[in-house]
Full PDB file with SEQRES, HELIX, SHEET, SSBOND, CRYST1, ORIGX, SCALE, CONECT and MASTER records, all heavy atoms in Angstrom:
SEQRES   1 A   30  GLU PRO GLY ARG ALA GLU GLN MET ALA ALA TYR HIS LYS          
SEQRES   2 A   30  GLN ASN ARG GLU VAL LEU GLY ILE PRO ASN PRO ALA LEU          
SEQRES   3 A   30  ASN GLU LEU THR                                              
HELIX    1 AA1 ARG A    4  TYR A   11  1                                   8    
HELIX    2 AA2 ASN A   23  LEU A   29  1                                   7    
CRYST1    1.000    1.000    1.000  90.00  90.00  90.00 P 1           1          
ORIGX1      1.000000  0.000000  0.000000        0.00000                         
ORIGX2      0.000000  1.000000  0.000000        0.00000                         
ORIGX3      0.000000  0.000000  1.000000        0.00000                         
SCALE1      1.000000  0.000000  0.000000        0.00000                         
SCALE2      0.000000  1.000000  0.000000        0.00000                         
SCALE3      0.000000  0.000000  1.000000        0.00000                         
ATOM      1  N   GLU A   1    -129.880  87.694 178.317  1.00  0.00           N  
ATOM      2  CA  GLU A   1    -130.687  86.853 179.176  1.00  0.00           C  
ATOM      3  C   GLU A   1    -129.837  86.730 180.500  1.00  0.00           C  
ATOM      4  O   GLU A   1    -128.736  86.245 180.465  1.00  0.00           O  
ATOM      5  CB  GLU A   1    -130.849  85.429 178.553  1.00  0.00           C  
ATOM      6  CG  GLU A   1    -131.734  84.529 179.327  1.00  0.00           C  
ATOM      7  CD  GLU A   1    -131.995  83.257 178.589  1.00  0.00           C  
ATOM      8  OE1 GLU A   1    -132.722  83.242 177.567  1.00  0.00           O  
ATOM      9  OE2 GLU A   1    -131.382  82.257 179.001  1.00  0.00           O  
ATOM     10  N   PRO A   2    -130.358  87.245 181.631  1.00  0.00           N  
ATOM     11  CA  PRO A   2    -129.591  87.186 182.867  1.00  0.00           C  
ATOM     12  C   PRO A   2    -129.043  85.852 183.211  1.00  0.00           C  
ATOM     13  O   PRO A   2    -129.769  84.798 183.124  1.00  0.00           O  
ATOM     14  CB  PRO A   2    -130.627  87.663 183.908  1.00  0.00           C  
ATOM     15  CG  PRO A   2    -131.546  88.533 183.091  1.00  0.00           C  
ATOM     16  CD  PRO A   2    -131.734  87.797 181.738  1.00  0.00           C  
ATOM     17  N   GLY A   3    -127.778  85.749 183.611  1.00  0.00           N  
ATOM     18  CA  GLY A   3    -127.173  84.519 183.997  1.00  0.00           C  
ATOM     19  C   GLY A   3    -126.613  83.677 182.863  1.00  0.00           C  
ATOM     20  O   GLY A   3    -125.955  82.668 183.127  1.00  0.00           O  
ATOM     21  N   ARG A   4    -126.911  84.058 181.658  1.00  0.00           N  
ATOM     22  CA  ARG A   4    -126.516  83.232 180.500  1.00  0.00           C  
ATOM     23  C   ARG A   4    -125.030  83.461 180.121  1.00  0.00           C  
ATOM     24  O   ARG A   4    -124.393  82.592 179.607  1.00  0.00           O  
ATOM     25  CB  ARG A   4    -127.445  83.517 179.300  1.00  0.00           C  
ATOM     26  CG  ARG A   4    -127.325  82.513 178.158  1.00  0.00           C  
ATOM     27  CD  ARG A   4    -128.188  82.887 177.018  1.00  0.00           C  
ATOM     28  NE  ARG A   4    -128.167  81.880 175.967  1.00  0.00           N  
ATOM     29  CZ  ARG A   4    -128.835  80.785 175.900  1.00  0.00           C  
ATOM     30  NH1 ARG A   4    -129.731  80.566 176.873  1.00  0.00           N  
ATOM     31  NH2 ARG A   4    -128.613  79.931 174.886  1.00  0.00           N  
ATOM     32  N   ALA A   5    -124.554  84.693 180.319  1.00  0.00           N  
ATOM     33  CA  ALA A   5    -123.224  85.056 179.845  1.00  0.00           C  
ATOM     34  C   ALA A   5    -122.130  84.151 180.408  1.00  0.00           C  
ATOM     35  O   ALA A   5    -121.268  83.659 179.758  1.00  0.00           O  
ATOM     36  CB  ALA A   5    -122.914  86.519 180.158  1.00  0.00           C  
ATOM     37  N   GLU A   6    -122.267  83.862 181.767  1.00  0.00           N  
ATOM     38  CA  GLU A   6    -121.238  83.026 182.389  1.00  0.00           C  
ATOM     39  C   GLU A   6    -121.243  81.625 181.896  1.00  0.00           C  
ATOM     40  O   GLU A   6    -120.177  81.033 181.620  1.00  0.00           O  
ATOM     41  CB  GLU A   6    -121.517  82.942 183.936  1.00  0.00           C  
ATOM     42  CG  GLU A   6    -121.322  84.275 184.598  1.00  0.00           C  
ATOM     43  CD  GLU A   6    -122.548  85.283 184.429  1.00  0.00           C  
ATOM     44  OE1 GLU A   6    -123.553  84.861 183.878  1.00  0.00           O  
ATOM     45  OE2 GLU A   6    -122.349  86.398 184.872  1.00  0.00           O  
ATOM     46  N   GLN A   7    -122.412  81.075 181.593  1.00  0.00           N  
ATOM     47  CA  GLN A   7    -122.532  79.706 181.044  1.00  0.00           C  
ATOM     48  C   GLN A   7    -121.906  79.631 179.596  1.00  0.00           C  
ATOM     49  O   GLN A   7    -121.156  78.746 179.236  1.00  0.00           O  
ATOM     50  CB  GLN A   7    -124.008  79.262 180.975  1.00  0.00           C  
ATOM     51  CG  GLN A   7    -124.650  79.182 182.319  1.00  0.00           C  
ATOM     52  CD  GLN A   7    -126.155  78.859 182.228  1.00  0.00           C  
ATOM     53  OE1 GLN A   7    -126.671  78.615 181.104  1.00  0.00           O  
ATOM     54  NE2 GLN A   7    -126.816  79.025 183.390  1.00  0.00           N  
ATOM     55  N   MET A   8    -122.269  80.774 178.842  1.00  0.00           N  
ATOM     56  CA  MET A   8    -121.773  80.731 177.421  1.00  0.00           C  
ATOM     57  C   MET A   8    -120.229  80.926 177.430  1.00  0.00           C  
ATOM     58  O   MET A   8    -119.508  80.244 176.631  1.00  0.00           O  
ATOM     59  CB  MET A   8    -122.393  81.889 176.647  1.00  0.00           C  
ATOM     60  CG  MET A   8    -123.871  81.636 176.325  1.00  0.00           C  
ATOM     61  SD  MET A   8    -124.690  83.011 175.495  1.00  0.00           S  
ATOM     62  CE  MET A   8    -123.613  83.107 174.026  1.00  0.00           C  
ATOM     63  N   ALA A   9    -119.647  81.742 178.285  1.00  0.00           N  
ATOM     64  CA  ALA A   9    -118.283  82.027 178.316  1.00  0.00           C  
ATOM     65  C   ALA A   9    -117.495  80.715 178.724  1.00  0.00           C  
ATOM     66  O   ALA A   9    -116.481  80.489 178.169  1.00  0.00           O  
ATOM     67  CB  ALA A   9    -117.970  83.115 179.350  1.00  0.00           C  
ATOM     68  N   ALA A  10    -118.057  79.964 179.656  1.00  0.00           N  
ATOM     69  CA  ALA A  10    -117.447  78.691 180.032  1.00  0.00           C  
ATOM     70  C   ALA A  10    -117.508  77.697 178.854  1.00  0.00           C  
ATOM     71  O   ALA A  10    -116.514  77.021 178.533  1.00  0.00           O  
ATOM     72  CB  ALA A  10    -118.116  78.163 181.319  1.00  0.00           C  
ATOM     73  N   TYR A  11    -118.673  77.563 178.232  1.00  0.00           N  
ATOM     74  CA  TYR A  11    -118.838  76.589 177.137  1.00  0.00           C  
ATOM     75  C   TYR A  11    -117.967  76.931 175.953  1.00  0.00           C  
ATOM     76  O   TYR A  11    -117.378  76.013 175.394  1.00  0.00           O  
ATOM     77  CB  TYR A  11    -120.327  76.587 176.756  1.00  0.00           C  
ATOM     78  CG  TYR A  11    -120.582  75.571 175.656  1.00  0.00           C  
ATOM     79  CD1 TYR A  11    -120.592  74.200 175.879  1.00  0.00           C  
ATOM     80  CD2 TYR A  11    -120.899  76.058 174.353  1.00  0.00           C  
ATOM     81  CE1 TYR A  11    -120.826  73.332 174.813  1.00  0.00           C  
ATOM     82  CE2 TYR A  11    -121.156  75.170 173.317  1.00  0.00           C  
ATOM     83  CZ  TYR A  11    -121.135  73.809 173.540  1.00  0.00           C  
ATOM     84  OH  TYR A  11    -121.381  72.967 172.478  1.00  0.00           O  
ATOM     85  N   HIS A  12    -117.931  78.166 175.583  1.00  0.00           N  
ATOM     86  CA  HIS A  12    -117.188  78.557 174.429  1.00  0.00           C  
ATOM     87  C   HIS A  12    -115.722  78.929 174.711  1.00  0.00           C  
ATOM     88  O   HIS A  12    -115.000  79.352 173.825  1.00  0.00           O  
ATOM     89  CB  HIS A  12    -117.891  79.730 173.710  1.00  0.00           C  
ATOM     90  CG  HIS A  12    -119.180  79.354 173.115  1.00  0.00           C  
ATOM     91  ND1 HIS A  12    -119.359  78.572 171.977  1.00  0.00           N  
ATOM     92  CD2 HIS A  12    -120.513  79.683 173.511  1.00  0.00           C  
ATOM     93  CE1 HIS A  12    -120.556  78.483 171.689  1.00  0.00           C  
ATOM     94  NE2 HIS A  12    -121.313  79.104 172.558  1.00  0.00           N  
ATOM     95  N   LYS A  13    -115.434  78.796 176.004  1.00  0.00           N  
ATOM     96  CA  LYS A  13    -113.981  79.037 176.447  1.00  0.00           C  
ATOM     97  C   LYS A  13    -113.609  80.505 176.020  1.00  0.00           C  
ATOM     98  O   LYS A  13    -112.447  80.617 175.335  1.00  0.00           O  
ATOM     99  CB  LYS A  13    -113.062  77.998 175.924  1.00  0.00           C  
ATOM    100  CG  LYS A  13    -113.344  76.636 176.513  1.00  0.00           C  
ATOM    101  CD  LYS A  13    -112.340  75.617 175.938  1.00  0.00           C  
ATOM    102  CE  LYS A  13    -112.558  74.282 176.672  1.00  0.00           C  
ATOM    103  NZ  LYS A  13    -113.895  73.650 176.417  1.00  0.00           N  
ATOM    104  N   GLN A  14    -114.318  81.454 176.286  1.00  0.00           N  
ATOM    105  CA  GLN A  14    -114.116  82.841 175.915  1.00  0.00           C  
ATOM    106  C   GLN A  14    -113.499  83.729 177.058  1.00  0.00           C  
ATOM    107  O   GLN A  14    -113.986  83.710 178.198  1.00  0.00           O  
ATOM    108  CB  GLN A  14    -115.460  83.517 175.474  1.00  0.00           C  
ATOM    109  CG  GLN A  14    -116.046  82.912 174.188  1.00  0.00           C  
ATOM    110  CD  GLN A  14    -115.130  83.110 172.994  1.00  0.00           C  
ATOM    111  OE1 GLN A  14    -114.946  84.229 172.543  1.00  0.00           O  
ATOM    112  NE2 GLN A  14    -114.627  81.997 172.478  1.00  0.00           N  
ATOM    113  N   ASN A  15    -112.521  84.403 176.573  1.00  0.00           N  
ATOM    114  CA  ASN A  15    -111.950  85.479 177.493  1.00  0.00           C  
ATOM    115  C   ASN A  15    -112.508  86.870 177.083  1.00  0.00           C  
ATOM    116  O   ASN A  15    -112.436  87.771 177.927  1.00  0.00           O  
ATOM    117  CB  ASN A  15    -110.410  85.472 177.376  1.00  0.00           C  
ATOM    118  CG  ASN A  15    -109.796  84.198 177.980  1.00  0.00           C  
ATOM    119  OD1 ASN A  15    -110.241  83.685 178.965  1.00  0.00           O  
ATOM    120  ND2 ASN A  15    -108.813  83.681 177.318  1.00  0.00           N  
ATOM    121  N   ARG A  16    -113.009  86.972 175.892  1.00  0.00           N  
ATOM    122  CA  ARG A  16    -113.583  88.271 175.474  1.00  0.00           C  
ATOM    123  C   ARG A  16    -114.961  88.396 176.137  1.00  0.00           C  
ATOM    124  O   ARG A  16    -115.515  87.456 176.767  1.00  0.00           O  
ATOM    125  CB  ARG A  16    -113.725  88.294 173.957  1.00  0.00           C  
ATOM    126  CG  ARG A  16    -114.601  87.129 173.365  1.00  0.00           C  
ATOM    127  CD  ARG A  16    -114.825  87.269 171.907  1.00  0.00           C  
ATOM    128  NE  ARG A  16    -113.675  87.524 171.149  1.00  0.00           N  
ATOM    129  CZ  ARG A  16    -112.855  86.580 170.690  1.00  0.00           C  
ATOM    130  NH1 ARG A  16    -113.092  85.222 170.913  1.00  0.00           N  
ATOM    131  NH2 ARG A  16    -111.758  86.850 169.876  1.00  0.00           N  
ATOM    132  N   GLU A  17    -115.546  89.614 176.051  1.00  0.00           N  
ATOM    133  CA  GLU A  17    -116.819  89.924 176.628  1.00  0.00           C  
ATOM    134  C   GLU A  17    -117.890  89.026 175.994  1.00  0.00           C  
ATOM    135  O   GLU A  17    -118.001  88.932 174.778  1.00  0.00           O  
ATOM    136  CB  GLU A  17    -117.239  91.375 176.523  1.00  0.00           C  
ATOM    137  CG  GLU A  17    -118.523  91.723 177.137  1.00  0.00           C  
ATOM    138  CD  GLU A  17    -118.850  93.173 176.999  1.00  0.00           C  
ATOM    139  OE1 GLU A  17    -118.115  93.948 176.449  1.00  0.00           O  
ATOM    140  OE2 GLU A  17    -119.984  93.620 177.470  1.00  0.00           O  
ATOM    141  N   VAL A  18    -118.722  88.432 176.862  1.00  0.00           N  
ATOM    142  CA  VAL A  18    -119.871  87.684 176.353  1.00  0.00           C  
ATOM    143  C   VAL A  18    -121.142  88.292 176.962  1.00  0.00           C  
ATOM    144  O   VAL A  18    -121.120  88.471 178.159  1.00  0.00           O  
ATOM    145  CB  VAL A  18    -119.810  86.162 176.714  1.00  0.00           C  
ATOM    146  CG1 VAL A  18    -120.990  85.446 176.266  1.00  0.00           C  
ATOM    147  CG2 VAL A  18    -118.489  85.536 176.183  1.00  0.00           C  
ATOM    148  N   LEU A  19    -122.134  88.670 176.126  1.00  0.00           N  
ATOM    149  CA  LEU A  19    -123.282  89.279 176.647  1.00  0.00           C  
ATOM    150  C   LEU A  19    -124.375  88.357 177.195  1.00  0.00           C  
ATOM    151  O   LEU A  19    -124.899  88.624 178.269  1.00  0.00           O  
ATOM    152  CB  LEU A  19    -123.973  90.042 175.458  1.00  0.00           C  
ATOM    153  CG  LEU A  19    -123.059  91.157 174.858  1.00  0.00           C  
ATOM    154  CD1 LEU A  19    -123.820  91.819 173.656  1.00  0.00           C  
ATOM    155  CD2 LEU A  19    -122.637  92.157 175.838  1.00  0.00           C  
ATOM    156  N   GLY A  20    -124.474  87.143 176.592  1.00  0.00           N  
ATOM    157  CA  GLY A  20    -125.452  86.202 177.072  1.00  0.00           C  
ATOM    158  C   GLY A  20    -126.756  86.293 176.314  1.00  0.00           C  
ATOM    159  O   GLY A  20    -127.793  86.529 176.899  1.00  0.00           O  
ATOM    160  N   ILE A  21    -126.703  86.228 174.938  1.00  0.00           N  
ATOM    161  CA  ILE A  21    -127.852  86.242 174.132  1.00  0.00           C  
ATOM    162  C   ILE A  21    -128.142  84.946 173.473  1.00  0.00           C  
ATOM    163  O   ILE A  21    -127.240  84.305 172.910  1.00  0.00           O  
ATOM    164  CB  ILE A  21    -127.666  87.351 173.019  1.00  0.00           C  
ATOM    165  CG1 ILE A  21    -127.263  88.747 173.619  1.00  0.00           C  
ATOM    166  CG2 ILE A  21    -128.851  87.409 172.060  1.00  0.00           C  
ATOM    167  CD1 ILE A  21    -126.886  89.727 172.571  1.00  0.00           C  
ATOM    168  N   PRO A  22    -129.349  84.414 173.599  1.00  0.00           N  
ATOM    169  CA  PRO A  22    -129.730  83.137 172.929  1.00  0.00           C  
ATOM    170  C   PRO A  22    -129.591  83.277 171.419  1.00  0.00           C  
ATOM    171  O   PRO A  22    -129.897  84.296 170.863  1.00  0.00           O  
ATOM    172  CB  PRO A  22    -131.168  82.944 173.377  1.00  0.00           C  
ATOM    173  CG  PRO A  22    -131.338  83.779 174.548  1.00  0.00           C  
ATOM    174  CD  PRO A  22    -130.522  84.914 174.426  1.00  0.00           C  
ATOM    175  N   ASN A  23    -129.123  82.186 170.811  1.00  0.00           N  
ATOM    176  CA  ASN A  23    -128.925  82.246 169.397  1.00  0.00           C  
ATOM    177  C   ASN A  23    -130.175  82.528 168.550  1.00  0.00           C  
ATOM    178  O   ASN A  23    -130.113  83.333 167.589  1.00  0.00           O  
ATOM    179  CB  ASN A  23    -128.246  80.907 168.949  1.00  0.00           C  
ATOM    180  CG  ASN A  23    -127.568  81.144 167.491  1.00  0.00           C  
ATOM    181  OD1 ASN A  23    -126.751  82.021 167.387  1.00  0.00           O  
ATOM    182  ND2 ASN A  23    -127.822  80.248 166.622  1.00  0.00           N  
ATOM    183  N   PRO A  24    -131.338  81.971 168.946  1.00  0.00           N  
ATOM    184  CA  PRO A  24    -132.541  82.306 168.150  1.00  0.00           C  
ATOM    185  C   PRO A  24    -132.836  83.857 168.204  1.00  0.00           C  
ATOM    186  O   PRO A  24    -133.222  84.387 167.171  1.00  0.00           O  
ATOM    187  CB  PRO A  24    -133.682  81.593 168.901  1.00  0.00           C  
ATOM    188  CG  PRO A  24    -132.980  80.353 169.491  1.00  0.00           C  
ATOM    189  CD  PRO A  24    -131.597  80.940 169.915  1.00  0.00           C  
ATOM    190  N   ALA A  25    -132.640  84.522 169.328  1.00  0.00           N  
ATOM    191  CA  ALA A  25    -132.800  85.918 169.396  1.00  0.00           C  
ATOM    192  C   ALA A  25    -131.876  86.711 168.500  1.00  0.00           C  
ATOM    193  O   ALA A  25    -132.253  87.686 167.834  1.00  0.00           O  
ATOM    194  CB  ALA A  25    -132.730  86.412 170.849  1.00  0.00           C  
ATOM    195  N   LEU A  26    -130.638  86.217 168.419  1.00  0.00           N  
ATOM    196  CA  LEU A  26    -129.586  86.859 167.653  1.00  0.00           C  
ATOM    197  C   LEU A  26    -129.902  86.632 166.203  1.00  0.00           C  
ATOM    198  O   LEU A  26    -129.748  87.526 165.413  1.00  0.00           O  
ATOM    199  CB  LEU A  26    -128.233  86.283 167.991  1.00  0.00           C  
ATOM    200  CG  LEU A  26    -127.017  86.957 167.486  1.00  0.00           C  
ATOM    201  CD1 LEU A  26    -126.923  88.403 168.075  1.00  0.00           C  
ATOM    202  CD2 LEU A  26    -125.775  86.159 167.868  1.00  0.00           C  
ATOM    203  N   ASN A  27    -130.445  85.503 165.796  1.00  0.00           N  
ATOM    204  CA  ASN A  27    -130.833  85.220 164.451  1.00  0.00           C  
ATOM    205  C   ASN A  27    -131.958  86.188 164.037  1.00  0.00           C  
ATOM    206  O   ASN A  27    -131.887  86.679 162.922  1.00  0.00           O  
ATOM    207  CB  ASN A  27    -131.314  83.793 164.351  1.00  0.00           C  
ATOM    208  CG  ASN A  27    -130.229  82.786 164.298  1.00  0.00           C  
ATOM    209  OD1 ASN A  27    -129.079  83.110 163.968  1.00  0.00           O  
ATOM    210  ND2 ASN A  27    -130.550  81.502 164.611  1.00  0.00           N  
ATOM    211  N   GLU A  28    -132.948  86.337 164.847  1.00  0.00           N  
ATOM    212  CA  GLU A  28    -134.071  87.186 164.533  1.00  0.00           C  
ATOM    213  C   GLU A  28    -133.659  88.677 164.369  1.00  0.00           C  
ATOM    214  O   GLU A  28    -134.109  89.298 163.396  1.00  0.00           O  
ATOM    215  CB  GLU A  28    -135.153  87.098 165.561  1.00  0.00           C  
ATOM    216  CG  GLU A  28    -136.495  87.696 165.270  1.00  0.00           C  
ATOM    217  CD  GLU A  28    -137.176  87.050 164.102  1.00  0.00           C  
ATOM    218  OE1 GLU A  28    -136.869  85.851 163.833  1.00  0.00           O  
ATOM    219  OE2 GLU A  28    -138.013  87.674 163.399  1.00  0.00           O  
ATOM    220  N   LEU A  29    -132.763  89.095 165.265  1.00  0.00           N  
ATOM    221  CA  LEU A  29    -132.321  90.497 165.130  1.00  0.00           C  
ATOM    222  C   LEU A  29    -131.551  90.749 163.895  1.00  0.00           C  
ATOM    223  O   LEU A  29    -131.799  91.712 163.151  1.00  0.00           O  
ATOM    224  CB  LEU A  29    -131.385  90.871 166.387  1.00  0.00           C  
ATOM    225  CG  LEU A  29    -130.877  92.272 166.399  1.00  0.00           C  
ATOM    226  CD1 LEU A  29    -131.949  93.322 166.530  1.00  0.00           C  
ATOM    227  CD2 LEU A  29    -129.933  92.361 167.641  1.00  0.00           C  
ATOM    228  N   THR A  30    -130.595  89.883 163.591  1.00  0.00           N  
ATOM    229  CA  THR A  30    -129.730  90.089 162.391  1.00  0.00           C  
ATOM    230  C   THR A  30    -130.542  89.894 161.137  1.00  0.00           C  
ATOM    231  O   THR A  30    -130.211  90.565 160.081  1.00  0.00           O  
ATOM    232  CB  THR A  30    -128.518  89.200 162.412  1.00  0.00           C  
ATOM    233  OG1 THR A  30    -128.933  87.787 162.582  1.00  0.00           O  
ATOM    234  CG2 THR A  30    -127.569  89.568 163.537  1.00  0.00           C  
TER     235      THR A  30                                                      
MASTER        0    0    0    2    0    0    0    6  234    1    0    3          
END                                                                             
């Protein structure tokens, strides 16, 4: 989801690559 990666990286305090995928979409895919 465009623009989501930056928000997620900040919220989760991530230095690793963050793609920016909503959790419901990740749940459905897996």
